Amino acid sequence: MSHATAHPLADQKVVLERGPYAGREIVIEDWWDRVAGRSWMDCDGNPVCLKYAVMSVGAPIDNEVIYGKFGGFGELVHATWLADCAVAA
């Protein structure tokens, strides 16, 4: 696991500014490696990780990946998609 502490925006609703979900609100749970106990790249067959692998084209291939929810659906987003994001009202 590469993140020893929770994501600084854990349990907050934020608006993504970049990536395929730009403009959407997400509730941040935590870094994916803290949620799953391993890298998203090691989660063979996990549908959330598989979807992220497809959606993250152009994002860095690293473990700066965050798990959050759009409504009731869990998704992975890259940390760079949150950069300079505003906390939603």
Protein backbone atom coordinates (compact mmCIF):
# COMPACT_ATOMS: atom_id res chain seq x y z
CA MET A 1 0.00 0.00 0.00
CA SER A 2 1.48 3.33 -1.00
CA HIS A 3 -0.75 5.69 1.02
CA ALA A 4 -0.36 5.53 4.80
CA THR A 5 -2.97 8.19 5.54
CA ALA A 6 -6.45 8.96 4.26
CA HIS A 7 -6.96 11.22 1.26
CA PRO A 8 -7.25 14.85 2.44
CA LEU A 9 -10.70 15.15 0.81
CA ALA A 10 -12.04 11.88 2.25
CA ASP A 11 -15.77 12.05 3.06
CA GLN A 12 -16.20 15.28 1.10
CA LYS A 13 -18.21 15.97 -2.02
CA VAL A 14 -16.15 17.62 -4.73
CA VAL A 15 -16.58 18.66 -8.34
CA LEU A 16 -14.11 17.06 -10.73
CA GLU A 17 -12.37 19.55 -12.98
CA ARG A 18 -10.55 17.21 -15.36
CA GLY A 19 -10.80 13.80 -16.96
CA PRO A 20 -13.81 11.97 -18.35
CA TYR A 21 -16.01 12.96 -15.39
CA ALA A 22 -15.25 16.70 -15.50
CA GLY A 23 -18.09 18.74 -14.04
CA ARG A 24 -19.59 15.87 -12.04
CA GLU A 25 -19.79 15.70 -8.26
CA ILE A 26 -18.18 12.78 -6.45
CA VAL A 27 -18.01 11.87 -2.78
CA ILE A 28 -14.41 10.88 -2.05
CA GLU A 29 -14.01 7.78 0.09
CA ASP A 30 -10.22 7.32 0.14
CA TRP A 31 -7.20 6.29 -1.88
CA TRP A 32 -7.99 3.06 -3.74
CA ASP A 33 -4.99 1.22 -2.29
CA ARG A 34 -6.30 1.95 1.22
CA VAL A 35 -9.83 0.81 0.31
CA ALA A 36 -8.79 -2.39 -1.48
CA GLY A 37 -5.46 -3.08 0.20
CA ARG A 38 -3.65 -3.16 -3.13
CA SER A 39 -3.03 -1.26 -6.33
CA TRP A 40 -5.77 -0.88 -8.90
CA MET A 41 -3.32 -2.51 -11.33
CA ASP A 42 -3.38 -5.70 -9.21
CA CYS A 43 -7.16 -6.06 -9.03
CA ASP A 44 -7.62 -8.59 -11.82
CA GLY A 45 -11.26 -8.90 -12.83
CA ASN A 46 -12.53 -6.13 -10.53
CA PRO A 47 -15.11 -4.23 -12.61
CA VAL A 48 -14.30 -0.85 -11.01
CA CYS A 49 -10.60 -1.28 -11.84
CA LEU A 50 -11.35 -2.52 -15.35
CA LYS A 51 -13.56 0.49 -16.04
CA TYR A 52 -10.89 2.83 -14.68
CA ALA A 53 -8.27 1.19 -16.94
CA VAL A 54 -10.44 2.07 -19.95
CA MET A 55 -11.51 5.54 -18.77
CA SER A 56 -8.07 6.68 -17.63
CA VAL A 57 -6.39 6.84 -21.04
CA GLY A 58 -3.97 9.75 -20.86
CA ALA A 59 -3.75 9.76 -17.04
CA PRO A 60 -0.46 8.81 -15.39
CA ILE A 61 -0.09 5.08 -14.73
CA ASP A 62 0.51 5.18 -10.99
CA ASN A 63 -1.29 4.63 -7.69
CA GLU A 64 -2.57 8.18 -7.24
CA VAL A 65 -6.05 6.75 -7.72
CA ILE A 66 -9.04 7.61 -5.55
CA TYR A 67 -12.22 5.66 -4.87
CA GLY A 68 -15.41 7.68 -4.66
CA LYS A 69 -19.09 7.52 -5.46
CA PHE A 70 -21.30 9.19 -8.02
CA GLY A 71 -24.67 8.71 -6.35
CA GLY A 72 -24.52 5.08 -5.25
CA PHE A 73 -22.02 3.91 -7.85
CA GLY A 74 -18.35 3.50 -6.93
CA GLU A 75 -15.73 4.70 -9.41
CA LEU A 76 -12.01 5.30 -9.54
CA VAL A 77 -10.65 8.71 -10.49
CA HIS A 78 -7.08 9.88 -10.85
CA ALA A 79 -5.83 12.48 -8.36
CA THR A 80 -5.01 14.88 -11.20
CA TRP A 81 -8.72 15.01 -12.05
CA LEU A 82 -9.31 16.53 -8.61
CA ALA A 83 -6.56 19.16 -8.85
CA ASP A 84 -7.87 22.60 -7.98
CA CYS A 85 -11.35 21.14 -7.47
CA ALA A 86 -13.94 23.09 -5.54
CA VAL A 87 -15.82 21.52 -2.67
CA ALA A 88 -19.45 21.24 -3.76
CA ALA A 89 -22.07 23.16 -1.81
